């Protein structure tokens, strides 16, 4: 009797392994699918460069909406482009020492 149970458990384990492997393969296949419907079926009246530019604009607007009013996202953080010496007037625009940013302009001594 114990041999029969052992054989049945072995078969059951193999079935679970096959099912698990099939699930992993299915998920991996789905996760590799990139793009959107528009990427696969572009609007014939609009060229791809214009579509990409529009996508970037929408993404930029979405990121802007994640920051409080008066701030802009730069490298994953919300900064004030009017007063931040490391992002003075634009992301990554660093003021030289003494590092004072006033109304988006670097001030010198």
Protein backbone atom coordinates (compact mmCIF):
# COMPACT_ATOMS: atom_id res chain seq x y z
CA UNK A 1 0.00 0.00 0.00
CA UNK A 2 2.77 2.47 0.82
CA UNK A 3 4.38 1.87 -2.60
CA UNK A 4 1.10 2.80 -4.32
CA UNK A 5 0.82 5.97 -2.24
CA UNK A 6 4.41 6.85 -3.05
CA UNK A 7 3.80 6.37 -6.80
CA UNK A 8 0.62 8.46 -6.65
CA UNK A 9 2.40 11.26 -4.76
CA UNK A 10 5.20 11.20 -7.32
CA UNK A 11 2.71 11.56 -10.19
CA UNK A 12 0.90 14.33 -8.37
CA UNK A 13 4.15 16.22 -7.81
CA UNK A 14 5.07 15.89 -11.50
CA UNK A 15 1.66 17.23 -12.54
CA UNK A 16 2.05 20.21 -10.22
CA UNK A 17 5.52 20.90 -11.60
CA UNK A 18 4.23 20.79 -15.18
CA UNK A 19 1.30 23.06 -14.28
CA UNK A 20 3.62 25.48 -12.48
CA UNK A 21 6.05 25.53 -15.40
CA UNK A 22 3.20 26.19 -17.84
CA UNK A 23 2.02 29.08 -15.67
CA UNK A 24 5.49 30.60 -15.48
CA UNK A 25 5.94 30.33 -19.25
CA UNK A 26 2.53 31.95 -19.82
CA UNK A 27 3.34 34.85 -17.47
CA UNK A 28 6.77 35.34 -19.02
CA UNK A 29 5.24 35.45 -22.48
CA UNK A 30 2.63 38.02 -21.44
CA UNK A 31 5.17 40.19 -19.65
CA UNK A 32 7.32 40.40 -22.78
CA UNK A 33 4.52 42.02 -24.75
CA UNK A 34 5.37 45.71 -24.83
CA UNK A 35 3.80 48.75 -26.35
CA UNK A 36 0.26 49.85 -26.65
CA UNK A 37 -2.53 49.45 -29.12
CA UNK A 38 -1.36 52.64 -30.85
CA UNK A 39 2.16 51.26 -31.27
CA UNK A 40 0.82 48.22 -33.06
CA UNK A 41 -1.85 50.02 -35.07
CA UNK A 42 -0.65 53.58 -35.69
CA UNK A 43 -3.11 56.16 -36.92
CA UNK A 44 -2.59 56.32 -40.69
CA UNK A 45 -3.17 60.07 -40.64
CA UNK A 46 -0.34 60.75 -38.17
CA UNK A 47 3.30 59.81 -38.53
CA UNK A 48 5.11 57.80 -35.86
CA UNK A 49 7.37 60.70 -34.80
CA UNK A 50 4.31 62.84 -34.05
CA UNK A 51 2.72 60.02 -32.08
CA UNK A 52 5.91 59.53 -30.04
CA UNK A 53 6.12 63.27 -29.34
CA UNK A 54 2.50 63.27 -28.20
CA UNK A 55 3.18 60.26 -25.95
CA UNK A 56 6.16 62.06 -24.37
CA UNK A 57 4.03 65.17 -23.80
CA UNK A 58 1.32 63.11 -22.10
CA UNK A 59 3.92 61.38 -19.92
CA UNK A 60 5.49 64.73 -18.96
CA UNK A 61 2.08 66.12 -18.01
CA UNK A 62 1.30 63.02 -15.96
CA UNK A 63 4.59 63.34 -14.07
CA UNK A 64 3.95 67.04 -13.45
CA UNK A 65 0.62 66.24 -11.89
CA UNK A 66 2.35 64.01 -9.32
CA UNK A 67 4.19 66.97 -7.76
CA UNK A 68 2.65 69.73 -5.65
CA UNK A 69 1.87 73.05 -7.30
CA UNK A 70 4.98 75.13 -7.93
CA UNK A 71 7.28 72.12 -8.20
CA UNK A 72 8.49 69.99 -11.11
CA UNK A 73 9.69 66.38 -11.13
CA UNK A 74 13.45 66.08 -11.69
CA UNK A 75 15.16 62.71 -11.39
CA UNK A 76 12.39 61.29 -9.25
CA UNK A 77 11.97 64.19 -6.85
CA UNK A 78 9.78 67.29 -6.86
CA UNK A 79 11.85 70.47 -6.96
CA UNK A 80 11.19 74.21 -7.19
CA UNK A 81 12.88 75.38 -10.39
CA UNK A 82 12.65 78.96 -9.13
CA UNK A 83 14.80 78.46 -6.00
CA UNK A 84 16.59 75.09 -6.11
CA UNK A 85 20.32 75.68 -6.76
CA UNK A 86 20.66 72.17 -8.22
CA UNK A 87 17.75 72.65 -10.64
CA UNK A 88 17.74 76.41 -11.23
CA UNK A 89 15.42 77.20 -14.13
CA UNK A 90 15.48 73.56 -15.33
CA UNK A 91 16.25 70.03 -14.23
CA UNK A 92 19.98 69.54 -13.68
CA UNK A 93 20.86 73.24 -14.08
CA UNK A 94 23.32 73.66 -11.19
CA UNK A 95 24.34 77.09 -9.94
CA UNK A 96 28.04 77.72 -9.41
CA UNK A 97 29.15 78.65 -5.88
CA UNK A 98 27.75 80.30 -3.84
CA UNK A 99 24.82 78.35 -5.30
CA UNK A 100 22.00 80.85 -5.06
CA UNK A 101 18.98 80.47 -7.33
CA UNK A 102 16.48 83.32 -7.45
CA UNK A 103 13.42 83.22 -9.72
CA UNK A 104 15.02 80.53 -11.89
CA UNK A 105 18.29 82.43 -12.36
CA UNK A 106 21.66 81.70 -10.75
CA UNK A 107 23.03 84.66 -8.83
CA UNK A 108 26.73 85.44 -8.58
CA UNK A 109 28.46 87.36 -5.80
